[in-house]
Amino acid sequence: MRYITFALAKGRLADKSLEILEKIGITCEEMKDKDSRKLIFVNEDLKLKFFLSKATDVPTYVEYGAADIGVVGKDTILEAGRNLYEVLDFEIGKCRMCVAGPESARKYLSNGELIRVATKYPNIAKDYFYNQKHQTVEIIKLNGSIELAPIVGLSEVIVDIVETGSTLKENGLKVLEEICPLSARMVVNQVSMKMEQERIQEIIKMLKSAGLAK
């Protein structure tokens, strides 16, 4: 029996994902040792392996088959644009991908004007403006505080993740359009889904039956 390998996004998401998996009996005691320098954690009894990676790398590991299953945010999945099966919504880390800016920028969105959009998510922004709104925009990729861009005049609007909206409010910005809801999702490698269909489907079924994912 071959191992089924999970790639989990480092940090709070990995902890939450493991909590969910534990509830259906998928455990990995090795991962609880915070001092461990190991990179791969194994549950020999269940023939499972786990590793932690940067969230942005999870879809890559899964697409290329280095991991059979991954758990990562929907924003990362959309931005990566990898060939994977998205099979479950864990409904944790809920937030929204939005277009935000000052109220005065609303007219640019409804008139379809050529504007500049600052974002950490150029692929999501491009897909939304080009394919859904059919509006030509100039996309500027930033890595830091995106909210700064419209304030200093670098862009008219931003595309970013919004949880409560309080950071936007504090800076005189608001949500102008909602692109899509976000949360943690389980993704599966396309070949693994065929080769290990029985075992993977069993995991999906157990998580759904226990009301831990949908």
N, C-alpha and C. Protein backbone atom coordinates (compact mmCIF):
# COMPACT_ATOMS: atom_id res chain seq x y z
N MET A 1 0.85 -1.19 0.00
CA MET A 1 0.00 0.00 0.00
C MET A 1 0.89 1.25 0.00
N ARG A 2 0.70 2.12 -0.97
CA ARG A 2 1.52 3.34 -0.99
C ARG A 2 1.00 4.39 -0.02
N TYR A 3 1.89 5.30 0.32
CA TYR A 3 1.49 6.39 1.23
C TYR A 3 0.65 7.41 0.48
N ILE A 4 -0.29 8.01 1.19
CA ILE A 4 -0.99 9.18 0.65
C ILE A 4 -0.38 10.37 1.36
N THR A 5 0.05 11.35 0.57
CA THR A 5 0.77 12.50 1.13
C THR A 5 -0.08 13.77 1.13
N PHE A 6 -0.08 14.42 2.28
CA PHE A 6 -0.81 15.70 2.46
C PHE A 6 0.19 16.85 2.48
N ALA A 7 -0.08 17.92 1.74
CA ALA A 7 0.69 19.18 1.85
C ALA A 7 -0.21 20.19 2.54
N LEU A 8 0.25 20.72 3.66
CA LEU A 8 -0.55 21.68 4.42
C LEU A 8 0.14 23.04 4.44
N ALA A 9 -0.67 24.10 4.32
CA ALA A 9 -0.12 25.46 4.35
C ALA A 9 0.31 25.79 5.78
N LYS A 10 1.58 26.13 5.93
CA LYS A 10 2.18 26.43 7.24
C LYS A 10 1.35 27.41 8.08
N GLY A 11 1.45 27.25 9.40
CA GLY A 11 0.83 28.22 10.30
C GLY A 11 -0.54 27.80 10.79
N ARG A 12 -1.39 28.81 11.00
CA ARG A 12 -2.70 28.58 11.60
C ARG A 12 -3.56 27.63 10.77
N LEU A 13 -3.43 27.73 9.46
CA LEU A 13 -4.25 26.89 8.58
C LEU A 13 -3.88 25.41 8.74
N ALA A 14 -2.59 25.12 8.87
CA ALA A 14 -2.15 23.73 9.07
C ALA A 14 -2.70 23.20 10.39
N ASP A 15 -2.63 24.02 11.44
CA ASP A 15 -3.14 23.60 12.76
C ASP A 15 -4.63 23.29 12.70
N LYS A 16 -5.36 24.19 12.05
CA LYS A 16 -6.81 24.01 11.93
C LYS A 16 -7.15 22.77 11.09
N SER A 17 -6.39 22.59 9.99
CA SER A 17 -6.62 21.45 9.10
C SER A 17 -6.39 20.14 9.84
N LEU A 18 -5.32 20.10 10.63
CA LEU A 18 -5.02 18.88 11.39
C LEU A 18 -6.10 18.59 12.43
N GLU A 19 -6.62 19.66 13.04
CA GLU A 19 -7.72 19.50 14.02
C GLU A 19 -8.91 18.84 13.34
N ILE A 20 -9.23 19.31 12.14
CA ILE A 20 -10.37 18.76 11.38
C ILE A 20 -10.11 17.30 11.02
N LEU A 21 -8.92 17.00 10.52
CA LEU A 21 -8.59 15.64 10.11
C LEU A 21 -8.58 14.68 11.30
N GLU A 22 -8.14 15.18 12.46
CA GLU A 22 -8.11 14.34 13.68
C GLU A 22 -9.49 13.85 14.06
N LYS A 23 -10.48 14.68 13.76
CA LYS A 23 -11.86 14.32 14.13
C LYS A 23 -12.38 13.11 13.36
N ILE A 24 -11.73 12.80 12.23
CA ILE A 24 -12.14 11.58 11.49
C ILE A 24 -11.05 10.50 11.62
N GLY A 25 -10.17 10.68 12.61
CA GLY A 25 -9.17 9.65 12.89
C GLY A 25 -7.89 9.74 12.09
N ILE A 26 -7.73 10.82 11.32
CA ILE A 26 -6.47 11.01 10.59
C ILE A 26 -5.54 11.84 11.46
N THR A 27 -4.60 11.18 12.08
CA THR A 27 -3.73 11.86 13.05
C THR A 27 -2.27 11.72 12.64
N CYS A 28 -1.45 12.60 13.20
CA CYS A 28 -0.01 12.50 13.00
C CYS A 28 0.68 13.04 14.24
N GLU A 29 0.98 12.14 15.17
CA GLU A 29 1.57 12.53 16.45
C GLU A 29 2.90 13.25 16.27
N GLU A 30 3.67 12.84 15.27
CA GLU A 30 4.99 13.45 15.01
C GLU A 30 4.89 14.96 14.83
N MET A 31 3.78 15.40 14.26
CA MET A 31 3.66 16.84 13.96
C MET A 31 3.41 17.67 15.21
N LYS A 32 3.06 17.02 16.30
CA LYS A 32 2.77 17.76 17.53
C LYS A 32 4.04 18.16 18.27
N ASP A 33 5.17 17.59 17.87
CA ASP A 33 6.44 17.94 18.48
C ASP A 33 6.95 19.23 17.83
N LYS A 34 6.74 20.34 18.54
CA LYS A 34 7.08 21.66 17.98
C LYS A 34 8.59 21.85 17.80
N ASP A 35 9.39 21.03 18.48
CA ASP A 35 10.86 21.16 18.38
C ASP A 35 11.44 20.31 17.26
N SER A 36 10.61 19.53 16.62
CA SER A 36 11.09 18.62 15.57
C SER A 36 11.64 19.40 14.38
N ARG A 37 12.77 18.92 13.84
CA ARG A 37 13.36 19.55 12.66
C ARG A 37 12.97 18.79 11.39
N LYS A 38 12.12 17.79 11.57
CA LYS A 38 11.72 16.96 10.42
C LYS A 38 10.95 17.78 9.39
N LEU A 39 11.07 17.35 8.15
CA LEU A 39 10.31 18.01 7.07
C LEU A 39 9.12 17.16 6.65
N ILE A 40 9.26 15.83 6.80
CA ILE A 40 8.17 14.92 6.44
C ILE A 40 7.75 14.16 7.70
N PHE A 41 6.45 14.14 7.95
CA PHE A 41 5.90 13.46 9.13
C PHE A 41 5.07 12.26 8.66
N VAL A 42 5.20 11.15 9.37
CA VAL A 42 4.59 9.91 8.90
C VAL A 42 3.67 9.28 9.95
N ASN A 43 2.54 8.75 9.46
CA ASN A 43 1.70 7.88 10.27
C ASN A 43 1.76 6.51 9.59
N GLU A 44 2.61 5.63 10.15
CA GLU A 44 2.84 4.32 9.54
C GLU A 44 1.58 3.46 9.49
N ASP A 45 0.78 3.52 10.56
CA ASP A 45 -0.42 2.68 10.65
C ASP A 45 -1.40 2.99 9.52
N LEU A 46 -1.58 4.27 9.25
CA LEU A 46 -2.55 4.67 8.23
C LEU A 46 -1.92 4.85 6.85
N LYS A 47 -0.60 4.68 6.79
CA LYS A 47 0.14 4.88 5.53
C LYS A 47 -0.12 6.29 4.97
N LEU A 48 0.13 7.28 5.85
CA LEU A 48 -0.05 8.67 5.46
C LEU A 48 1.24 9.45 5.73
N LYS A 49 1.52 10.41 4.88
CA LYS A 49 2.64 11.33 5.10
C LYS A 49 2.11 12.75 5.08
N PHE A 50 2.76 13.61 5.82
CA PHE A 50 2.37 15.03 5.87
C PHE A 50 3.61 15.90 5.75
N PHE A 51 3.47 17.03 5.06
CA PHE A 51 4.54 18.03 5.16
C PHE A 51 3.93 19.43 5.11
N LEU A 52 4.67 20.38 5.68
CA LEU A 52 4.22 21.76 5.72
C LEU A 52 4.96 22.54 4.65
N SER A 53 4.26 23.43 3.98
CA SER A 53 4.95 24.27 3.00
C SER A 53 4.31 25.65 2.99
N LYS A 54 4.99 26.56 2.33
CA LYS A 54 4.44 27.91 2.15
C LYS A 54 3.13 27.76 1.39
N ALA A 55 2.12 28.50 1.78
CA ALA A 55 0.79 28.37 1.16
C ALA A 55 0.86 28.44 -0.37
N THR A 56 1.64 29.38 -0.89
CA THR A 56 1.70 29.57 -2.35
C THR A 56 2.29 28.36 -3.07
N ASP A 57 3.02 27.50 -2.35
CA ASP A 57 3.63 26.32 -2.98
C ASP A 57 2.72 25.09 -2.95
N VAL A 58 1.70 25.10 -2.10
CA VAL A 58 0.83 23.91 -1.96
C VAL A 58 0.23 23.48 -3.31
N PRO A 59 -0.39 24.39 -4.10
CA PRO A 59 -0.96 23.95 -5.38
C PRO A 59 0.08 23.35 -6.32
N THR A 60 1.33 23.83 -6.26
CA THR A 60 2.40 23.31 -7.12
C THR A 60 2.75 21.87 -6.71
N TYR A 61 2.92 21.64 -5.41
CA TYR A 61 3.21 20.29 -4.92
C TYR A 61 2.10 19.32 -5.33
N VAL A 62 0.86 19.79 -5.26
CA VAL A 62 -0.27 18.90 -5.58
C VAL A 62 -0.35 18.66 -7.09
N GLU A 63 -0.21 19.70 -7.89
CA GLU A 63 -0.32 19.51 -9.35
C GLU A 63 0.73 18.52 -9.85
N TYR A 64 1.96 18.63 -9.33
CA TYR A 64 3.05 17.78 -9.82
C TYR A 64 3.12 16.42 -9.13
N GLY A 65 2.18 16.17 -8.21
CA GLY A 65 2.11 14.85 -7.60
C GLY A 65 3.07 14.61 -6.45
N ALA A 66 3.77 15.66 -5.99
CA ALA A 66 4.64 15.51 -4.82
C ALA A 66 3.75 15.34 -3.58
N ALA A 67 2.53 15.85 -3.67
CA ALA A 67 1.51 15.62 -2.64
C ALA A 67 0.25 15.15 -3.36
N ASP A 68 -0.47 14.21 -2.74
CA ASP A 68 -1.74 13.75 -3.33
C ASP A 68 -2.86 14.72 -2.99
N ILE A 69 -2.80 15.25 -1.76
CA ILE A 69 -3.86 16.11 -1.23
C ILE A 69 -3.23 17.36 -0.64
N GLY A 70 -3.88 18.50 -0.81
CA GLY A 70 -3.41 19.74 -0.20
C GLY A 70 -4.56 20.47 0.45
N VAL A 71 -4.24 21.26 1.48
CA VAL A 71 -5.26 22.13 2.08
C VAL A 71 -4.69 23.55 2.07
N VAL A 72 -5.41 24.44 1.38
CA VAL A 72 -4.91 25.81 1.20
C VAL A 72 -6.07 26.75 0.91
N GLY A 73 -5.84 28.05 1.04
CA GLY A 73 -6.89 29.04 0.81
C GLY A 73 -7.30 29.13 -0.66
N LYS A 74 -8.57 29.43 -0.88
CA LYS A 74 -9.11 29.56 -2.24
C LYS A 74 -8.36 30.65 -3.02
N ASP A 75 -7.94 31.72 -2.33
CA ASP A 75 -7.21 32.80 -3.00
C ASP A 75 -5.92 32.27 -3.63
N THR A 76 -5.22 31.40 -2.90
CA THR A 76 -3.96 30.81 -3.39
C THR A 76 -4.23 29.90 -4.59
N ILE A 77 -5.33 29.15 -4.52
CA ILE A 77 -5.70 28.24 -5.62
C ILE A 77 -5.99 29.04 -6.89
N LEU A 78 -6.78 30.09 -6.74
CA LEU A 78 -7.15 30.92 -7.91
C LEU A 78 -5.94 31.61 -8.51
N GLU A 79 -5.08 32.14 -7.65
CA GLU A 79 -3.91 32.87 -8.13
C GLU A 79 -2.91 31.94 -8.82
N ALA A 80 -2.78 30.72 -8.29
CA ALA A 80 -1.81 29.76 -8.86
C ALA A 80 -2.28 29.22 -10.21
N GLY A 81 -3.60 29.04 -10.35
CA GLY A 81 -4.16 28.54 -11.62
C GLY A 81 -3.63 27.17 -12.04
N ARG A 82 -3.42 26.30 -11.06
CA ARG A 82 -2.88 24.96 -11.34
C ARG A 82 -3.99 23.98 -11.73
N ASN A 83 -3.59 22.85 -12.35
CA ASN A 83 -4.57 21.81 -12.71
C ASN A 83 -4.76 20.86 -11.54
N LEU A 84 -5.83 21.05 -10.80
CA LEU A 84 -6.11 20.23 -9.62
C LEU A 84 -7.61 20.03 -9.51
N TYR A 85 -8.00 19.08 -8.69
CA TYR A 85 -9.42 18.94 -8.35
C TYR A 85 -9.65 19.60 -7.00
N GLU A 86 -10.58 20.55 -6.97
CA GLU A 86 -10.97 21.15 -5.68
C GLU A 86 -12.16 20.35 -5.18
N VAL A 87 -11.97 19.63 -4.07
CA VAL A 87 -13.00 18.65 -3.68
C VAL A 87 -13.83 19.04 -2.46
N LEU A 88 -13.25 19.85 -1.56
CA LEU A 88 -13.98 20.19 -0.34
C LEU A 88 -13.73 21.63 0.08
N ASP A 89 -14.73 22.19 0.74
CA ASP A 89 -14.59 23.50 1.38
C ASP A 89 -14.58 23.26 2.89
N PHE A 90 -13.46 23.58 3.53
CA PHE A 90 -13.36 23.38 4.99
C PHE A 90 -14.09 24.48 5.77
N GLU A 91 -14.48 25.52 5.06
CA GLU A 91 -15.23 26.64 5.67
C GLU A 91 -14.50 27.27 6.86
N ILE A 92 -13.16 27.28 6.78
CA ILE A 92 -12.39 28.01 7.79
C ILE A 92 -11.63 29.13 7.10
N GLY A 93 -11.29 30.16 7.86
CA GLY A 93 -10.60 31.31 7.28
C GLY A 93 -11.46 32.04 6.27
N LYS A 94 -12.75 32.14 6.58
CA LYS A 94 -13.67 32.77 5.61
C LYS A 94 -13.40 34.26 5.46
N CYS A 95 -13.33 34.71 4.21
CA CYS A 95 -13.22 36.13 3.90
C CYS A 95 -13.65 36.32 2.44
N ARG A 96 -13.37 37.50 1.87
CA ARG A 96 -13.81 37.77 0.49
C ARG A 96 -12.68 38.42 -0.31
N MET A 97 -12.66 38.13 -1.59
CA MET A 97 -11.76 38.86 -2.49
C MET A 97 -12.58 40.00 -3.07
N CYS A 98 -12.08 41.22 -2.91
CA CYS A 98 -12.88 42.38 -3.32
C CYS A 98 -12.08 43.41 -4.09
N VAL A 99 -12.83 44.23 -4.81
CA VAL A 99 -12.27 45.45 -5.39
C VAL A 99 -12.62 46.55 -4.39
N ALA A 100 -11.60 47.29 -3.96
CA ALA A 100 -11.85 48.34 -2.96
C ALA A 100 -11.16 49.63 -3.40
N GLY A 101 -11.62 50.72 -2.83
CA GLY A 101 -11.03 52.02 -3.14
C GLY A 101 -11.85 53.11 -2.51
N PRO A 102 -11.55 54.37 -2.77
CA PRO A 102 -12.39 55.44 -2.26
C PRO A 102 -13.73 55.44 -2.99
N GLU A 103 -14.75 55.99 -2.38
CA GLU A 103 -16.08 56.05 -3.00
C GLU A 103 -16.02 56.70 -4.38
N SER A 104 -15.11 57.67 -4.52
CA SER A 104 -14.99 58.41 -5.79
C SER A 104 -14.55 57.51 -6.96
N ALA A 105 -13.99 56.33 -6.65
CA ALA A 105 -13.52 55.44 -7.72
C ALA A 105 -14.63 54.57 -8.29
N ARG A 106 -15.79 54.59 -7.64
CA ARG A 106 -16.90 53.73 -8.08
C ARG A 106 -17.28 54.01 -9.54
N LYS A 107 -17.24 55.28 -9.91
CA LYS A 107 -17.65 55.66 -11.28
C LYS A 107 -16.74 55.04 -12.35
N TYR A 108 -15.44 54.85 -12.02
CA TYR A 108 -14.52 54.25 -12.99
C TYR A 108 -14.89 52.81 -13.27
N LEU A 109 -15.43 52.15 -12.26
CA LEU A 109 -15.80 50.74 -12.41
C LEU A 109 -17.07 50.59 -13.23
N SER A 110 -18.02 51.50 -13.02
CA SER A 110 -19.27 51.39 -13.77
C SER A 110 -19.14 51.90 -15.19
N ASN A 111 -18.19 52.83 -15.42
CA ASN A 111 -18.01 53.36 -16.78
C ASN A 111 -17.04 52.53 -17.62
N GLY A 112 -16.39 51.56 -16.97
CA GLY A 112 -15.43 50.72 -17.69
C GLY A 112 -14.21 51.48 -18.17
N GLU A 113 -13.78 52.47 -17.38
CA GLU A 113 -12.62 53.29 -17.79
C GLU A 113 -11.31 52.55 -17.59
N LEU A 114 -10.26 53.02 -18.29
CA LEU A 114 -8.93 52.46 -18.11
C LEU A 114 -8.38 52.99 -16.79
N ILE A 115 -8.18 52.09 -15.84
CA ILE A 115 -7.68 52.50 -14.52
C ILE A 115 -6.53 51.60 -14.10
N ARG A 116 -5.84 52.03 -13.05
CA ARG A 116 -4.77 51.20 -12.49
C ARG A 116 -5.29 50.47 -11.26
N VAL A 117 -4.92 49.19 -11.17
CA VAL A 117 -5.38 48.34 -10.07
C VAL A 117 -4.14 47.78 -9.37
N ALA A 118 -4.00 48.05 -8.10
CA ALA A 118 -2.87 47.51 -7.33
C ALA A 118 -3.32 46.25 -6.59
N THR A 119 -2.46 45.23 -6.56
CA THR A 119 -2.87 43.96 -5.94
C THR A 119 -1.69 43.03 -5.69
N LYS A 120 -1.89 42.11 -4.75
CA LYS A 120 -0.94 41.01 -4.55
C LYS A 120 -1.35 39.83 -5.43
N TYR A 121 -2.52 39.95 -6.05
CA TYR A 121 -3.12 38.84 -6.81
C TYR A 121 -3.35 39.24 -8.26
N PRO A 122 -2.28 39.41 -9.06
CA PRO A 122 -2.47 39.88 -10.44
C PRO A 122 -3.31 38.94 -11.30
N ASN A 123 -3.21 37.64 -11.11
CA ASN A 123 -3.98 36.71 -11.95
C ASN A 123 -5.48 36.78 -11.65
N ILE A 124 -5.81 36.89 -10.37
CA ILE A 124 -7.23 37.02 -9.97
C ILE A 124 -7.78 38.34 -10.51
N ALA A 125 -6.99 39.41 -10.36
CA ALA A 125 -7.44 40.74 -10.82
C ALA A 125 -7.64 40.74 -12.34
N LYS A 126 -6.69 40.14 -13.04
CA LYS A 126 -6.75 40.07 -14.50
C LYS A 126 -7.99 39.31 -14.96
N ASP A 127 -8.22 38.16 -14.34
CA ASP A 127 -9.37 37.34 -14.71
C ASP A 127 -10.68 38.10 -14.46
N TYR A 128 -10.76 38.78 -13.32
CA TYR A 128 -11.98 39.49 -12.97
C TYR A 128 -12.25 40.65 -13.95
N PHE A 129 -11.25 41.50 -14.14
CA PHE A 129 -11.47 42.68 -14.99
C PHE A 129 -11.57 42.32 -16.47
N TYR A 130 -10.71 41.43 -16.95
CA TYR A 130 -10.70 41.12 -18.38
C TYR A 130 -11.81 40.17 -18.78
N ASN A 131 -11.98 39.10 -18.01
CA ASN A 131 -12.92 38.04 -18.43
C ASN A 131 -14.34 38.20 -17.89
N GLN A 132 -14.48 38.86 -16.73
CA GLN A 132 -15.82 39.00 -16.18
C GLN A 132 -16.41 40.38 -16.42
N LYS A 133 -15.60 41.41 -16.22
CA LYS A 133 -16.11 42.78 -16.41
C LYS A 133 -15.83 43.32 -17.82
N HIS A 134 -14.91 42.67 -18.53
CA HIS A 134 -14.48 43.13 -19.86
C HIS A 134 -14.05 44.59 -19.82
N GLN A 135 -13.23 44.87 -18.79
CA GLN A 135 -12.70 46.22 -18.62
C GLN A 135 -11.17 46.15 -18.70
N THR A 136 -10.58 46.99 -19.53
CA THR A 136 -9.12 47.01 -19.65
C THR A 136 -8.54 47.83 -18.50
N VAL A 137 -7.61 47.23 -17.79
CA VAL A 137 -6.99 47.91 -16.66
C VAL A 137 -5.48 47.68 -16.70
N GLU A 138 -4.75 48.53 -15.99
CA GLU A 138 -3.32 48.32 -15.81
C GLU A 138 -3.15 47.74 -14.41
N ILE A 139 -2.55 46.55 -14.34
CA ILE A 139 -2.41 45.89 -13.04
C ILE A 139 -1.00 46.09 -12.52
N ILE A 140 -0.92 46.57 -11.28
CA ILE A 140 0.37 46.80 -10.63
C ILE A 140 0.50 45.83 -9.47
N LYS A 141 1.53 44.99 -9.51
CA LYS A 141 1.71 44.01 -8.43
C LYS A 141 2.49 44.64 -7.28
N LEU A 142 1.93 44.52 -6.09
CA LEU A 142 2.60 44.98 -4.87
C LEU A 142 2.69 43.83 -3.89
N ASN A 143 3.63 43.92 -2.96
CA ASN A 143 3.77 42.87 -1.95
C ASN A 143 3.44 43.34 -0.54
N GLY A 144 3.42 44.64 -0.34
CA GLY A 144 3.19 45.18 1.00
C GLY A 144 1.75 45.58 1.23
N SER A 145 1.56 46.68 1.97
CA SER A 145 0.20 47.16 2.29
C SER A 145 -0.48 47.70 1.04
N ILE A 146 -1.40 46.93 0.53
CA ILE A 146 -2.07 47.29 -0.72
C ILE A 146 -2.92 48.56 -0.55
N GLU A 147 -3.46 48.74 0.67
CA GLU A 147 -4.35 49.90 0.93
C GLU A 147 -3.67 51.24 0.65
N LEU A 148 -2.35 51.22 0.72
CA LEU A 148 -1.59 52.46 0.52
C LEU A 148 -1.71 52.99 -0.91
N ALA A 149 -1.85 52.06 -1.89
CA ALA A 149 -1.80 52.44 -3.31
C ALA A 149 -2.79 53.55 -3.70
N PRO A 150 -4.10 53.42 -3.40
CA PRO A 150 -5.02 54.51 -3.80
C PRO A 150 -4.82 55.78 -2.98
N ILE A 151 -4.31 55.62 -1.76
CA ILE A 151 -4.13 56.79 -0.89
C ILE A 151 -3.02 57.69 -1.43
N VAL A 152 -1.94 57.08 -1.94
CA VAL A 152 -0.82 57.89 -2.45
C VAL A 152 -0.92 58.14 -3.96
N GLY A 153 -2.02 57.65 -4.58
CA GLY A 153 -2.25 57.93 -5.99
C GLY A 153 -1.56 56.99 -6.95
N LEU A 154 -1.10 55.83 -6.45
CA LEU A 154 -0.47 54.84 -7.34
C LEU A 154 -1.53 54.14 -8.19
N SER A 155 -2.72 53.94 -7.61
CA SER A 155 -3.80 53.28 -8.35
C SER A 155 -5.14 53.88 -7.96
N GLU A 156 -6.14 53.63 -8.82
CA GLU A 156 -7.50 54.09 -8.48
C GLU A 156 -8.16 53.14 -7.49
N VAL A 157 -7.93 51.83 -7.71
CA VAL A 157 -8.56 50.81 -6.84
C VAL A 157 -7.54 49.72 -6.52
N ILE A 158 -7.93 48.83 -5.60
CA ILE A 158 -7.10 47.67 -5.27
C ILE A 158 -7.96 46.40 -5.35
N VAL A 159 -7.30 45.27 -5.52
CA VAL A 159 -7.96 43.98 -5.40
C VAL A 159 -7.26 43.28 -4.25
N ASP A 160 -8.02 42.97 -3.20
CA ASP A 160 -7.40 42.39 -2.02
C ASP A 160 -8.40 41.57 -1.22
N ILE A 161 -7.86 40.82 -0.25
CA ILE A 161 -8.70 40.03 0.65
C ILE A 161 -9.28 40.95 1.72
N VAL A 162 -10.57 40.81 1.96
CA VAL A 162 -11.23 41.61 3.00
C VAL A 162 -11.86 40.66 4.01
N GLU A 163 -11.50 40.84 5.28
CA GLU A 163 -12.13 40.03 6.34
C GLU A 163 -13.23 40.85 6.99
N THR A 164 -12.85 41.86 7.75
CA THR A 164 -13.86 42.67 8.43
C THR A 164 -14.10 44.00 7.72
N GLY A 165 -13.09 44.45 6.98
CA GLY A 165 -13.22 45.74 6.30
C GLY A 165 -12.76 46.90 7.15
N SER A 166 -12.32 46.62 8.39
CA SER A 166 -11.94 47.73 9.29
C SER A 166 -10.68 48.46 8.83
N THR A 167 -9.72 47.73 8.23
CA THR A 167 -8.50 48.40 7.73
C THR A 167 -8.86 49.35 6.60
N LEU A 168 -9.78 48.91 5.74
CA LEU A 168 -10.22 49.78 4.63
C LEU A 168 -10.87 51.05 5.20
N LYS A 169 -11.77 50.84 6.14
CA LYS A 169 -12.53 51.95 6.74
C LYS A 169 -11.59 52.98 7.37
N GLU A 170 -10.62 52.48 8.11
CA GLU A 170 -9.65 53.37 8.80
C GLU A 170 -8.88 54.22 7.81
N ASN A 171 -8.77 53.73 6.58
CA ASN A 171 -7.99 54.46 5.57
C ASN A 171 -8.86 55.13 4.51
N GLY A 172 -10.14 55.28 4.83
CA GLY A 172 -11.05 56.00 3.93
C GLY A 172 -11.40 55.24 2.67
N LEU A 173 -11.28 53.91 2.73
CA LEU A 173 -11.60 53.08 1.56
C LEU A 173 -12.80 52.20 1.87
N LYS A 174 -13.43 51.67 0.83
CA LYS A 174 -14.55 50.75 1.05
C LYS A 174 -14.60 49.69 -0.04
N VAL A 175 -15.34 48.63 0.23
CA VAL A 175 -15.53 47.58 -0.77
C VAL A 175 -16.44 48.14 -1.85
N LEU A 176 -15.98 48.10 -3.09
CA LEU A 176 -16.77 48.61 -4.22
C LEU A 176 -17.43 47.48 -4.99
N GLU A 177 -16.74 46.34 -5.09
CA GLU A 177 -17.29 45.15 -5.77
C GLU A 177 -16.72 43.91 -5.11
N GLU A 178 -17.55 42.88 -5.04
CA GLU A 178 -17.06 41.62 -4.48
C GLU A 178 -16.75 40.65 -5.62
N ILE A 179 -15.55 40.07 -5.58
CA ILE A 179 -15.15 39.14 -6.64
C ILE A 179 -15.61 37.72 -6.31
N CYS A 180 -15.25 37.22 -5.12
CA CYS A 180 -15.68 35.87 -4.73
C CYS A 180 -15.44 35.62 -3.25
N PRO A 181 -16.19 34.66 -2.67
CA PRO A 181 -15.93 34.29 -1.27
C PRO A 181 -14.69 33.39 -1.20
N LEU A 182 -13.97 33.46 -0.09
CA LEU A 182 -12.76 32.66 0.10
C LEU A 182 -12.83 31.86 1.40
N SER A 183 -12.17 30.71 1.40
CA SER A 183 -12.02 29.90 2.61
C SER A 183 -11.01 28.81 2.28
N ALA A 184 -10.67 27.98 3.27
CA ALA A 184 -9.71 26.89 3.04
C ALA A 184 -10.37 25.76 2.26
N ARG A 185 -9.69 25.26 1.25
CA ARG A 185 -10.22 24.18 0.41
C ARG A 185 -9.26 22.99 0.39
N MET A 186 -9.84 21.81 0.14
CA MET A 186 -9.01 20.63 -0.06
C MET A 186 -8.89 20.39 -1.56
N VAL A 187 -7.64 20.23 -2.01
CA VAL A 187 -7.39 19.96 -3.44
C VAL A 187 -6.69 18.62 -3.59
N VAL A 188 -6.92 17.97 -4.73
CA VAL A 188 -6.37 16.64 -4.97
C VAL A 188 -5.68 16.59 -6.33
N ASN A 189 -4.55 15.91 -6.37
CA ASN A 189 -3.82 15.69 -7.63
C ASN A 189 -4.70 14.85 -8.57
N GLN A 190 -4.69 15.20 -9.86
CA GLN A 190 -5.59 14.56 -10.81
C GLN A 190 -5.28 13.08 -11.01
N VAL A 191 -4.01 12.71 -11.01
CA VAL A 191 -3.64 11.30 -11.18
C VAL A 191 -3.97 10.52 -9.90
N SER A 192 -3.68 11.12 -8.75
CA SER A 192 -3.97 10.47 -7.46
C SER A 192 -5.46 10.15 -7.32
N MET A 193 -6.29 11.05 -7.86
CA MET A 193 -7.74 10.85 -7.77
C MET A 193 -8.15 9.58 -8.50
N LYS A 194 -7.41 9.23 -9.56
CA LYS A 194 -7.72 7.99 -10.29
C LYS A 194 -7.06 6.78 -9.62
N MET A 195 -5.77 6.91 -9.29
CA MET A 195 -5.00 5.78 -8.75
C MET A 195 -5.42 5.39 -7.34
N GLU A 196 -5.75 6.42 -6.53
CA GLU A 196 -6.09 6.16 -5.13
C GLU A 196 -7.53 6.57 -4.84
N GLN A 197 -8.38 6.39 -5.85
CA GLN A 197 -9.75 6.90 -5.76
C GLN A 197 -10.47 6.43 -4.50
N GLU A 198 -10.35 5.13 -4.21
CA GLU A 198 -11.08 4.57 -3.07
C GLU A 198 -10.71 5.23 -1.75
N ARG A 199 -9.40 5.33 -1.51
CA ARG A 199 -8.94 5.90 -0.24
C ARG A 199 -9.25 7.39 -0.13
N ILE A 200 -9.05 8.11 -1.24
CA ILE A 200 -9.30 9.56 -1.20
C ILE A 200 -10.80 9.85 -1.07
N GLN A 201 -11.61 9.10 -1.80
CA GLN A 201 -13.06 9.29 -1.69
C GLN A 201 -13.57 8.97 -0.29
N GLU A 202 -12.93 8.00 0.35
CA GLU A 202 -13.31 7.64 1.72
C GLU A 202 -13.04 8.81 2.68
N ILE A 203 -11.89 9.47 2.50
CA ILE A 203 -11.55 10.65 3.33
C ILE A 203 -12.57 11.76 3.10
N ILE A 204 -12.90 12.00 1.82
CA ILE A 204 -13.88 13.06 1.48
C ILE A 204 -15.24 12.73 2.11
N LYS A 205 -15.63 11.48 1.97
CA LYS A 205 -16.93 11.05 2.49
C LYS A 205 -17.00 11.22 4.01
N MET A 206 -15.94 10.81 4.71
CA MET A 206 -15.91 10.92 6.17
C MET A 206 -15.99 12.38 6.63
N LEU A 207 -15.26 13.26 5.94
CA LEU A 207 -15.28 14.68 6.31
C LEU A 207 -16.67 15.28 6.08
N LYS A 208 -17.30 14.89 4.98
CA LYS A 208 -18.66 15.40 4.69
C LYS A 208 -19.67 14.86 5.69
N SER A 209 -19.59 13.56 5.96
CA SER A 209 -20.55 12.91 6.88
C SER A 209 -20.46 13.51 8.28
N ALA A 210 -19.22 13.87 8.67
CA ALA A 210 -19.03 14.42 10.02
C ALA A 210 -19.38 15.91 10.08
N GLY A 211 -19.77 16.46 8.93
CA GLY A 211 -20.15 17.88 8.88
C GLY A 211 -18.97 18.82 9.03
N LEU A 212 -17.76 18.30 8.69
CA LEU A 212 -16.54 19.10 8.87
C LEU A 212 -16.15 19.86 7.60
N ALA A 213 -16.79 19.50 6.51
CA ALA A 213 -16.51 20.17 5.23
C ALA A 213 -17.70 19.97 4.31
N LYS A 214 -17.76 20.78 3.26
CA LYS A 214 -18.86 20.59 2.30
C LYS A 214 -18.37 20.72 0.87
